[in-house]
PDB file of N, CA and C in Angstrom:
ATOM      1  N   MET A   1     170.840 107.977   5.215  1.00  0.00           N
ATOM      2  CA  MET A   1     171.096 108.164   6.628  1.00  0.00           C
ATOM      3  C   MET A   1     171.537 106.836   7.240  1.00  0.00           C
ATOM      4  N   SER A   2     172.544 106.864   8.071  1.00  0.00           N
ATOM      5  CA  SER A   2     173.069 105.634   8.651  1.00  0.00           C
ATOM      6  C   SER A   2     172.227 105.190   9.848  1.00  0.00           C
ATOM      7  N   VAL A   3     172.349 103.923  10.160  1.00  0.00           N
ATOM      8  CA  VAL A   3     171.625 103.336  11.284  1.00  0.00           C
ATOM      9  C   VAL A   3     172.342 103.720  12.573  1.00  0.00           C
ATOM     10  N   SER A   4     171.577 104.096  13.586  1.00  0.00           N
ATOM     11  CA  SER A   4     172.181 104.533  14.848  1.00  0.00           C
ATOM     12  C   SER A   4     172.803 103.357  15.599  1.00  0.00           C
ATOM     13  N   ALA A   5     173.709 103.679  16.492  1.00  0.00           N
ATOM     14  CA  ALA A   5     174.352 102.657  17.326  1.00  0.00           C
ATOM     15  C   ALA A   5     173.307 101.916  18.151  1.00  0.00           C
ATOM     16  N   GLY A   6     172.348 102.644  18.664  1.00  0.00           N
ATOM     17  CA  GLY A   6     171.290 102.021  19.455  1.00  0.00           C
ATOM     18  C   GLY A   6     170.464 101.049  18.639  1.00  0.00           C
ATOM     19  N   ARG A   7     170.131 101.443  17.413  1.00  0.00           N
ATOM     20  CA  ARG A   7     169.343 100.553  16.552  1.00  0.00           C
ATOM     21  C   ARG A   7     170.137  99.296  16.214  1.00  0.00           C
ATOM     22  N   ARG A   8     171.444  99.463  15.940  1.00  0.00           N
ATOM     23  CA  ARG A   8     172.286  98.288  15.659  1.00  0.00           C
ATOM     24  C   ARG A   8     172.315  97.356  16.867  1.00  0.00           C
ATOM     25  N   LEU A   9     172.418  97.937  18.067  1.00  0.00           N
ATOM     26  CA  LEU A   9     172.431  97.123  19.282  1.00  0.00           C
ATOM     27  C   LEU A   9     171.108  96.382  19.433  1.00  0.00           C
ATOM     28  N   ARG A  10     169.986  97.089  19.268  1.00  0.00           N
ATOM     29  CA  ARG A  10     168.665  96.452  19.394  1.00  0.00           C
ATOM     30  C   ARG A  10     168.515  95.317  18.376  1.00  0.00           C
ATOM     31  N   GLU A  11     168.922  95.562  17.131  1.00  0.00           N
ATOM     32  CA  GLU A  11     168.820  94.527  16.101  1.00  0.00           C
ATOM     33  C   GLU A  11     169.676  93.322  16.458  1.00  0.00           C
ATOM     34  N   SER A  12     170.866  93.565  16.989  1.00  0.00           N
ATOM     35  CA  SER A  12     171.752  92.480  17.395  1.00  0.00           C
ATOM     36  C   SER A  12     171.136  91.658  18.524  1.00  0.00           C
ATOM     37  N   LEU A  13     170.570  92.338  19.510  1.00  0.00           N
ATOM     38  CA  LEU A  13     169.933  91.632  20.627  1.00  0.00           C
ATOM     39  C   LEU A  13     168.707  90.859  20.153  1.00  0.00           C
ATOM     40  N   ASP A  14     167.905  91.463  19.288  1.00  0.00           N
ATOM     41  CA  ASP A  14     166.726  90.776  18.771  1.00  0.00           C
ATOM     42  C   ASP A  14     167.114  89.557  17.940  1.00  0.00           C
ATOM     43  N   LEU A  15     168.203  89.658  17.171  1.00  0.00           N
ATOM     44  CA  LEU A  15     168.689  88.502  16.411  1.00  0.00           C
ATOM     45  C   LEU A  15     169.166  87.395  17.342  1.00  0.00           C
ATOM     46  N   ALA A  16     169.855  87.765  18.409  1.00  0.00           N
ATOM     47  CA  ALA A  16     170.317  86.765  19.381  1.00  0.00           C
ATOM     48  C   ALA A  16     169.123  86.063  20.023  1.00  0.00           C
ATOM     49  N   LEU A  17     168.086  86.815  20.349  1.00  0.00           N
ATOM     50  CA  LEU A  17     166.884  86.223  20.933  1.00  0.00           C
ATOM     51  C   LEU A  17     166.198  85.303  19.919  1.00  0.00           C
ATOM     52  N   ALA A  18     166.142  85.717  18.664  1.00  0.00           N
ATOM     53  CA  ALA A  18     165.535  84.885  17.618  1.00  0.00           C
ATOM     54  C   ALA A  18     166.321  83.587  17.425  1.00  0.00           C
ATOM     55  N   ARG A  19     167.652  83.667  17.457  1.00  0.00           N
ATOM     56  CA  ARG A  19     168.480  82.452  17.336  1.00  0.00           C
ATOM     57  C   ARG A  19     168.203  81.505  18.492  1.00  0.00           C
ATOM     58  N   GLU A  20     168.124  82.055  19.697  1.00  0.00           N
ATOM     59  CA  GLU A  20     167.859  81.225  20.872  1.00  0.00           C
ATOM     60  C   GLU A  20     166.460  80.629  20.798  1.00  0.00           C
ATOM     61  N   SER A  21     165.515  81.385  20.310  1.00  0.00           N
ATOM     62  CA  SER A  21     164.151  80.896  20.146  1.00  0.00           C
ATOM     63  C   SER A  21     164.127  79.716  19.170  1.00  0.00           C
ATOM     64  N   ALA A  22     164.839  79.855  18.065  1.00  0.00           N
ATOM     65  CA  ALA A  22     164.916  78.779  17.074  1.00  0.00           C
ATOM     66  C   ALA A  22     165.632  77.563  17.648  1.00  0.00           C
ATOM     67  N   ARG A  23     166.699  77.796  18.406  1.00  0.00           N
ATOM     68  CA  ARG A  23     167.453  76.691  19.004  1.00  0.00           C
ATOM     69  C   ARG A  23     166.577  75.887  19.952  1.00  0.00           C
ATOM     70  N   ARG A  24     165.769  76.560  20.725  1.00  0.00           N
ATOM     71  CA  ARG A  24     164.904  75.883  21.698  1.00  0.00           C
ATOM     72  C   ARG A  24     163.595  75.387  21.089  1.00  0.00           C
ATOM     73  N   GLY A  25     163.242  75.917  19.934  1.00  0.00           N
ATOM     74  CA  GLY A  25     161.965  75.551  19.341  1.00  0.00           C
ATOM     75  C   GLY A  25     160.785  76.149  20.089  1.00  0.00           C
ATOM     76  N   LEU A  26     161.031  77.273  20.747  1.00  0.00           N
ATOM     77  CA  LEU A  26     159.994  77.957  21.531  1.00  0.00           C
ATOM     78  C   LEU A  26     159.950  79.425  21.138  1.00  0.00           C
ATOM     79  N   PRO A  27     158.762  80.011  21.133  1.00  0.00           N
ATOM     80  CA  PRO A  27     158.701  81.455  20.887  1.00  0.00           C
ATOM     81  C   PRO A  27     159.171  82.215  22.125  1.00  0.00           C
ATOM     82  N   LEU A  28     160.265  82.943  21.998  1.00  0.00           N
ATOM     83  CA  LEU A  28     160.798  83.710  23.124  1.00  0.00           C
ATOM     84  C   LEU A  28     160.626  85.197  22.856  1.00  0.00           C
ATOM     85  N   ARG A  29     160.431  85.945  23.906  1.00  0.00           N
ATOM     86  CA  ARG A  29     160.375  87.397  23.791  1.00  0.00           C
ATOM     87  C   ARG A  29     160.930  87.985  25.076  1.00  0.00           C
ATOM     88  N   TRP A  30     161.294  89.262  25.017  1.00  0.00           N
ATOM     89  CA  TRP A  30     161.811  89.934  26.203  1.00  0.00           C
ATOM     90  C   TRP A  30     160.683  90.090  27.219  1.00  0.00           C
ATOM     91  N   ASP A  31     160.982  89.818  28.500  1.00  0.00           N
ATOM     92  CA  ASP A  31     159.980  90.134  29.521  1.00  0.00           C
ATOM     93  C   ASP A  31     160.063  91.634  29.815  1.00  0.00           C
ATOM     94  N   GLU A  32     159.182  92.140  30.660  1.00  0.00           N
ATOM     95  CA  GLU A  32     159.127  93.590  30.904  1.00  0.00           C
ATOM     96  C   GLU A  32     160.442  94.130  31.456  1.00  0.00           C
ATOM     97  N   ARG A  33     161.051  93.393  32.373  1.00  0.00           N
ATOM     98  CA  ARG A  33     162.317  93.826  32.963  1.00  0.00           C
ATOM     99  C   ARG A  33     163.409  93.856  31.901  1.00  0.00           C
ATOM    100  N   GLU A  34     163.492  92.788  31.125  1.00  0.00           N
ATOM    101  CA  GLU A  34     164.510  92.727  30.076  1.00  0.00           C
ATOM    102  C   GLU A  34     164.296  93.829  29.037  1.00  0.00           C
ATOM    103  N   GLN A  35     163.042  94.092  28.683  1.00  0.00           N
ATOM    104  CA  GLN A  35     162.755  95.137  27.700  1.00  0.00           C
ATOM    105  C   GLN A  35     163.219  96.500  28.203  1.00  0.00           C
ATOM    106  N   GLN A  36     163.044  96.751  29.492  1.00  0.00           N
ATOM    107  CA  GLN A  36     163.520  98.011  30.072  1.00  0.00           C
ATOM    108  C   GLN A  36     165.040  98.114  29.966  1.00  0.00           C
ATOM    109  N   HIS A  37     165.730  96.995  30.217  1.00  0.00           N
ATOM    110  CA  HIS A  37     167.192  96.994  30.103  1.00  0.00           C
ATOM    111  C   HIS A  37     167.632  97.168  28.647  1.00  0.00           C
ATOM    112  N   VAL A  38     166.933  96.518  27.727  1.00  0.00           N
ATOM    113  CA  VAL A  38     167.253  96.691  26.305  1.00  0.00           C
ATOM    114  C   VAL A  38     167.075  98.155  25.912  1.00  0.00           C
ATOM    115  N   ASP A  39     165.947  98.741  26.289  1.00  0.00           N
ATOM    116  CA  ASP A  39     165.676 100.144  25.942  1.00  0.00           C
ATOM    117  C   ASP A  39     166.736 101.083  26.520  1.00  0.00           C
ATOM    118  N   ALA A  40     167.106 100.855  27.779  1.00  0.00           N
ATOM    119  CA  ALA A  40     168.114 101.710  28.422  1.00  0.00           C
ATOM    120  C   ALA A  40     169.483 101.539  27.762  1.00  0.00           C
ATOM    121  N   ALA A  41     169.839 100.306  27.414  1.00  0.00           N
ATOM    122  CA  ALA A  41     171.120 100.060  26.751  1.00  0.00           C
ATOM    123  C   ALA A  41     171.149 100.728  25.377  1.00  0.00           C
ATOM    124  N   VAL A  42     170.032 100.687  24.672  1.00  0.00           N
ATOM    125  CA  VAL A  42     169.931 101.329  23.356  1.00  0.00           C
ATOM    126  C   VAL A  42     170.116 102.840  23.486  1.00  0.00           C
ATOM    127  N   ARG A  43     169.444 103.444  24.468  1.00  0.00           N
ATOM    128  CA  ARG A  43     169.604 104.892  24.680  1.00  0.00           C
ATOM    129  C   ARG A  43     171.057 105.232  25.005  1.00  0.00           C
ATOM    130  N   ALA A  44     171.667 104.446  25.880  1.00  0.00           N
ATOM    131  CA  ALA A  44     173.056 104.708  26.261  1.00  0.00           C
ATOM    132  C   ALA A  44     173.988 104.543  25.060  1.00  0.00           C
ATOM    133  N   ALA A  45     173.742 103.547  24.222  1.00  0.00           N
ATOM    134  CA  ALA A  45     174.576 103.353  23.029  1.00  0.00           C
ATOM    135  C   ALA A  45     174.468 104.557  22.098  1.00  0.00           C
ATOM    136  N   ASP A  46     173.270 105.111  21.967  1.00  0.00           N
ATOM    137  CA  ASP A  46     173.108 106.319  21.149  1.00  0.00           C
ATOM    138  C   ASP A  46     173.823 107.512  21.776  1.00  0.00           C
ATOM    139  N   HIS A  47     173.791 107.604  23.106  1.00  0.00           N
ATOM    140  CA  HIS A  47     174.518 108.681  23.797  1.00  0.00           C
ATOM    141  C   HIS A  47     176.018 108.567  23.531  1.00  0.00           C
ATOM    142  N   VAL A  48     176.533 107.343  23.587  1.00  0.00           N
ATOM    143  CA  VAL A  48     177.961 107.131  23.324  1.00  0.00           C
ATOM    144  C   VAL A  48     178.309 107.617  21.921  1.00  0.00           C
ATOM    145  N   ALA A  49     177.486 107.276  20.953  1.00  0.00           N
ATOM    146  CA  ALA A  49     177.760 107.688  19.570  1.00  0.00           C
ATOM    147  C   ALA A  49     177.763 109.212  19.438  1.00  0.00           C
ATOM    148  N   LYS A  50     176.806 109.871  20.078  1.00  0.00           N
ATOM    149  CA  LYS A  50     176.759 111.339  20.023  1.00  0.00           C
ATOM    150  C   LYS A  50     177.976 111.952  20.709  1.00  0.00           C
ATOM    151  N   LEU A  51     178.331 111.402  21.864  1.00  0.00           N
ATOM    152  CA  LEU A  51     179.502 111.904  22.581  1.00  0.00           C
ATOM    153  C   LEU A  51     180.773 111.693  21.766  1.00  0.00           C
ATOM    154  N   GLN A  52     180.879 110.537  21.110  1.00  0.00           N
ATOM    155  CA  GLN A  52     182.054 110.253  20.287  1.00  0.00           C
ATOM    156  C   GLN A  52     182.145 111.243  19.137  1.00  0.00           C
ATOM    157  N   SER A  53     181.011 111.591  18.559  1.00  0.00           N
ATOM    158  CA  SER A  53     180.982 112.586  17.484  1.00  0.00           C
ATOM    159  C   SER A  53     181.466 113.944  17.992  1.00  0.00           C
ATOM    160  N   LEU A  54     181.002 114.331  19.182  1.00  0.00           N
ATOM    161  CA  LEU A  54     181.457 115.589  19.784  1.00  0.00           C
ATOM    162  C   LEU A  54     182.957 115.554  20.066  1.00  0.00           C
ATOM    163  N   LEU A  55     183.438 114.413  20.571  1.00  0.00           N
ATOM    164  CA  LEU A  55     184.865 114.276  20.857  1.00  0.00           C
ATOM    165  C   LEU A  55     185.676 114.371  19.569  1.00  0.00           C
ATOM    166  N   ASN A  56     185.234 113.686  18.531  1.00  0.00           N
ATOM    167  CA  ASN A  56     185.948 113.749  17.251  1.00  0.00           C
ATOM    168  C   ASN A  56     186.022 115.181  16.733  1.00  0.00           C
ATOM    169  N   ALA A  57     184.912 115.912  16.838  1.00  0.00           N
ATOM    170  CA  ALA A  57     184.893 117.312  16.397  1.00  0.00           C
ATOM    171  C   ALA A  57     185.836 118.153  17.243  1.00  0.00           C
ATOM    172  N   GLU A  58     185.853 117.910  18.535  1.00  0.00           N
ATOM    173  CA  GLU A  58     186.736 118.661  19.438  1.00  0.00           C
ATOM    174  C   GLU A  58     188.197 118.398  19.091  1.00  0.00           C
ATOM    175  N   LEU A  59     188.537 117.149  18.812  1.00  0.00           N
ATOM    176  CA  LEU A  59     189.922 116.806  18.494  1.00  0.00           C
ATOM    177  C   LEU A  59     190.345 117.347  17.130  1.00  0.00           C
ATOM    178  N   ARG A  60     189.392 117.530  16.219  1.00  0.00           N
ATOM    179  CA  ARG A  60     189.704 118.138  14.918  1.00  0.00           C
ATOM    180  C   ARG A  60     189.798 119.651  15.024  1.00  0.00           C
ATOM    181  N   GLY A  61     189.109 120.215  15.988  1.00  0.00           N
ATOM    182  CA  GLY A  61     189.018 121.672  16.102  1.00  0.00           C
ATOM    183  C   GLY A  61     190.006 122.242  17.097  1.00  0.00           C
ATOM    184  N   GLU A  62     189.479 122.817  18.152  1.00  0.00           N
ATOM    185  CA  GLU A  62     190.296 123.555  19.111  1.00  0.00           C
ATOM    186  C   GLU A  62     191.197 122.677  19.974  1.00  0.00           C
ATOM    187  N   LYS A  63     190.850 121.422  20.123  1.00  0.00           N
ATOM    188  CA  LYS A  63     191.648 120.471  20.911  1.00  0.00           C
ATOM    189  C   LYS A  63     191.835 120.942  22.349  1.00  0.00           C
ATOM    190  N   ARG A  64     190.725 121.335  22.973  1.00  0.00           N
ATOM    191  CA  ARG A  64     190.776 121.736  24.381  1.00  0.00           C
ATOM    192  C   ARG A  64     190.846 120.479  25.236  1.00  0.00           C
ATOM    193  N   ALA A  65     191.942 120.328  25.939  1.00  0.00           N
ATOM    194  CA  ALA A  65     192.184 119.112  26.715  1.00  0.00           C
ATOM    195  C   ALA A  65     191.101 118.868  27.757  1.00  0.00           C
ATOM    196  N   SER A  66     190.641 119.915  28.425  1.00  0.00           N
ATOM    197  CA  SER A  66     189.640 119.720  29.477  1.00  0.00           C
ATOM    198  C   SER A  66     188.312 119.230  28.904  1.00  0.00           C
ATOM    199  N   ILE A  67     187.920 119.741  27.756  1.00  0.00           N
ATOM    200  CA  ILE A  67     186.674 119.298  27.116  1.00  0.00           C
ATOM    201  C   ILE A  67     186.828 117.860  26.637  1.00  0.00           C
ATOM    202  N   ALA A  68     187.951 117.564  26.003  1.00  0.00           N
ATOM    203  CA  ALA A  68     188.192 116.205  25.516  1.00  0.00           C
ATOM    204  C   ALA A  68     188.191 115.207  26.670  1.00  0.00           C
ATOM    205  N   ALA A  69     188.811 115.552  27.776  1.00  0.00           N
ATOM    206  CA  ALA A  69     188.855 114.653  28.934  1.00  0.00           C
ATOM    207  C   ALA A  69     187.459 114.403  29.486  1.00  0.00           C
ATOM    208  N   LYS A  70     186.644 115.443  29.553  1.00  0.00           N
ATOM    209  CA  LYS A  70     185.270 115.280  30.051  1.00  0.00           C
ATOM    210  C   LYS A  70     184.452 114.397  29.118  1.00  0.00           C
ATOM    211  N   LEU A  71     184.604 114.593  27.825  1.00  0.00           N
ATOM    212  CA  LEU A  71     183.885 113.762  26.864  1.00  0.00           C
ATOM    213  C   LEU A  71     184.324 112.304  26.960  1.00  0.00           C
ATOM    214  N   MET A  72     185.636 112.076  27.070  1.00  0.00           N
ATOM    215  CA  MET A  72     186.134 110.703  27.191  1.00  0.00           C
ATOM    216  C   MET A  72     185.622 110.040  28.465  1.00  0.00           C
ATOM    217  N   ALA A  73     185.579 110.781  29.553  1.00  0.00           N
ATOM    218  CA  ALA A  73     185.070 110.233  30.815  1.00  0.00           C
ATOM    219  C   ALA A  73     183.595 109.862  30.682  1.00  0.00           C
ATOM    220  N   GLU A  74     182.827 110.707  30.040  1.00  0.00           N
ATOM    221  CA  GLU A  74     181.399 110.417  29.865  1.00  0.00           C
ATOM    222  C   GLU A  74     181.187 109.235  28.923  1.00  0.00           C
ATOM    223  N   ILE A  75     182.024 109.110  27.909  1.00  0.00           N
ATOM    224  CA  ILE A  75     181.940 107.954  27.011  1.00  0.00           C
ATOM    225  C   ILE A  75     182.210 106.674  27.788  1.00  0.00           C
ATOM    226  N   ARG A  76     183.244 106.681  28.621  1.00  0.00           N
ATOM    227  CA  ARG A  76     183.537 105.498  29.446  1.00  0.00           C
ATOM    228  C   ARG A  76     182.353 105.165  30.342  1.00  0.00           C
ATOM    229  N   LEU A  77     181.773 106.168  30.963  1.00  0.00           N
ATOM    230  CA  LEU A  77     180.633 105.959  31.855  1.00  0.00           C
ATOM    231  C   LEU A  77     179.447 105.366  31.091  1.00  0.00           C
ATOM    232  N   GLN A  78     179.139 105.923  29.933  1.00  0.00           N
ATOM    233  CA  GLN A  78     178.011 105.415  29.151  1.00  0.00           C
ATOM    234  C   GLN A  78     178.287 104.016  28.605  1.00  0.00           C
ATOM    235  N   ASP A  79     179.530 103.717  28.252  1.00  0.00           N
ATOM    236  CA  ASP A  79     179.880 102.355  27.841  1.00  0.00           C
ATOM    237  C   ASP A  79     179.607 101.378  28.980  1.00  0.00           C
ATOM    238  N   GLN A  80     179.930 101.784  30.197  1.00  0.00           N
ATOM    239  CA  GLN A  80     179.677 100.930  31.357  1.00  0.00           C
ATOM    240  C   GLN A  80     178.180 100.759  31.594  1.00  0.00           C
ATOM    241  N   VAL A  81     177.409 101.810  31.359  1.00  0.00           N
ATOM    242  CA  VAL A  81     175.948 101.724  31.488  1.00  0.00           C
ATOM    243  C   VAL A  81     175.403 100.685  30.507  1.00  0.00           C
ATOM    244  N   VAL A  82     175.874 100.722  29.259  1.00  0.00           N
ATOM    245  CA  VAL A  82     175.445  99.729  28.271  1.00  0.00           C
ATOM    246  C   VAL A  82     175.775  98.330  28.779  1.00  0.00           C
ATOM    247  N   ALA A  83     177.007  98.128  29.224  1.00  0.00           N
ATOM    248  CA  ALA A  83     177.434  96.813  29.708  1.00  0.00           C
ATOM    249  C   ALA A  83     176.604  96.365  30.903  1.00  0.00           C
ATOM    250  N   ASP A  84     176.330  97.269  31.823  1.00  0.00           N
ATOM    251  CA  ASP A  84     175.531  96.922  33.004  1.00  0.00           C
ATOM    252  C   ASP A  84     174.129  96.468  32.609  1.00  0.00           C
ATOM    253  N   HIS A  85     173.515  97.172  31.677  1.00  0.00           N
ATOM    254  CA  HIS A  85     172.167  96.773  31.248  1.00  0.00           C
ATOM    255  C   HIS A  85     172.200  95.449  30.493  1.00  0.00           C
ATOM    256  N   LEU A  86     173.189  95.264  29.639  1.00  0.00           N
ATOM    257  CA  LEU A  86     173.273  94.011  28.888  1.00  0.00           C
ATOM    258  C   LEU A  86     173.520  92.824  29.810  1.00  0.00           C
ATOM    259  N   ALA A  87     174.215  93.056  30.905  1.00  0.00           N
ATOM    260  CA  ALA A  87     174.483  91.979  31.857  1.00  0.00           C
ATOM    261  C   ALA A  87     173.210  91.499  32.547  1.00  0.00           C
ATOM    262  N   ARG A  88     172.158  92.285  32.501  1.00  0.00           N
ATOM    263  CA  ARG A  88     170.897  91.931  33.155  1.00  0.00           C
ATOM    264  C   ARG A  88     169.917  91.225  32.219  1.00  0.00           C
ATOM    265  N   ILE A  89     170.347  90.985  30.989  1.00  0.00           N
ATOM    266  CA  ILE A  89     169.489  90.343  29.995  1.00  0.00           C
ATOM    267  C   ILE A  89     169.963  88.911  29.803  1.00  0.00           C
ATOM    268  N   GLN A  90     169.023  87.977  29.854  1.00  0.00           N
ATOM    269  CA  GLN A  90     169.394  86.583  29.665  1.00  0.00           C
ATOM    270  C   GLN A  90     169.009  86.129  28.269  1.00  0.00           C
ATOM    271  N   ILE A  91     170.009  85.623  27.575  1.00  0.00           N
ATOM    272  CA  ILE A  91     169.787  85.000  26.275  1.00  0.00           C
ATOM    273  C   ILE A  91     170.468  83.647  26.334  1.00  0.00           C
ATOM    274  N   GLY A  92     169.716  82.609  26.126  1.00  0.00           N
ATOM    275  CA  GLY A  92     170.302  81.277  26.147  1.00  0.00           C
ATOM    276  C   GLY A  92     170.575  80.808  27.558  1.00  0.00           C
ATOM    277  N   ASP A  93     171.620  80.014  27.684  1.00  0.00           N
ATOM    278  CA  ASP A  93     171.937  79.397  28.963  1.00  0.00           C
ATOM    279  C   ASP A  93     172.848  80.233  29.843  1.00  0.00           C
ATOM    280  N   LEU A  94     173.272  81.389  29.354  1.00  0.00           N
ATOM    281  CA  LEU A  94     174.126  82.246  30.168  1.00  0.00           C
ATOM    282  C   LEU A  94     173.313  82.837  31.304  1.00  0.00           C
ATOM    283  N   PRO A  95     173.824  82.791  32.525  1.00  0.00           N
ATOM    284  CA  PRO A  95     173.068  83.353  33.646  1.00  0.00           C
ATOM    285  C   PRO A  95     173.047  84.875  33.599  1.00  0.00           C
ATOM    286  N   VAL A  96     171.999  85.434  34.161  1.00  0.00           N
ATOM    287  CA  VAL A  96     171.898  86.887  34.291  1.00  0.00           C
ATOM    288  C   VAL A  96     172.860  87.318  35.380  1.00  0.00           C
ATOM    289  N   ALA A  97     173.544  88.439  35.169  1.00  0.00           N
ATOM    290  CA  ALA A  97     174.477  88.945  36.180  1.00  0.00           C
ATOM    291  C   ALA A  97     173.718  89.302  37.446  1.00  0.00           C
ATOM    292  N   LYS A  98     174.355  89.055  38.565  1.00  0.00           N
ATOM    293  CA  LYS A  98     173.751  89.412  39.843  1.00  0.00           C
ATOM    294  C   LYS A  98     173.917  90.898  40.084  1.00  0.00           C
ATOM    295  N   SER A  99     172.973  91.464  40.798  1.00  0.00           N
ATOM    296  CA  SER A  99     173.070  92.882  41.146  1.00  0.00           C
ATOM    297  C   SER A  99     174.279  93.101  42.029  1.00  0.00           C
ATOM    298  N   PRO A 100     174.956  94.245  41.844  1.00  0.00           N
ATOM    299  CA  PRO A 100     176.159  94.512  42.648  1.00  0.00           C
ATOM    300  C   PRO A 100     175.829  94.691  44.105  1.00  0.00           C
TER     301      PRO A 100
END
């Protein structure tokens, strides 16, 4: 069984945090707010993967334009959700994005 998109994202973020921890020589961990953003980004990444699978099946099958368009729109929306949550996580010296 393959690793989910969400799990890959979580592993990538945890590796980035571990690298930053090693660079600073300090034990770093996600605070409660950051952990919530990580969890939400992971869920959204898994949603994107599921939606992409549905879109791929639709394009191989009946190719209903209205269904494909709705799936693509939802994929774009969920991609933005992932980006929004990741922008709220601070790793290293990069500043956390300000709320819109």
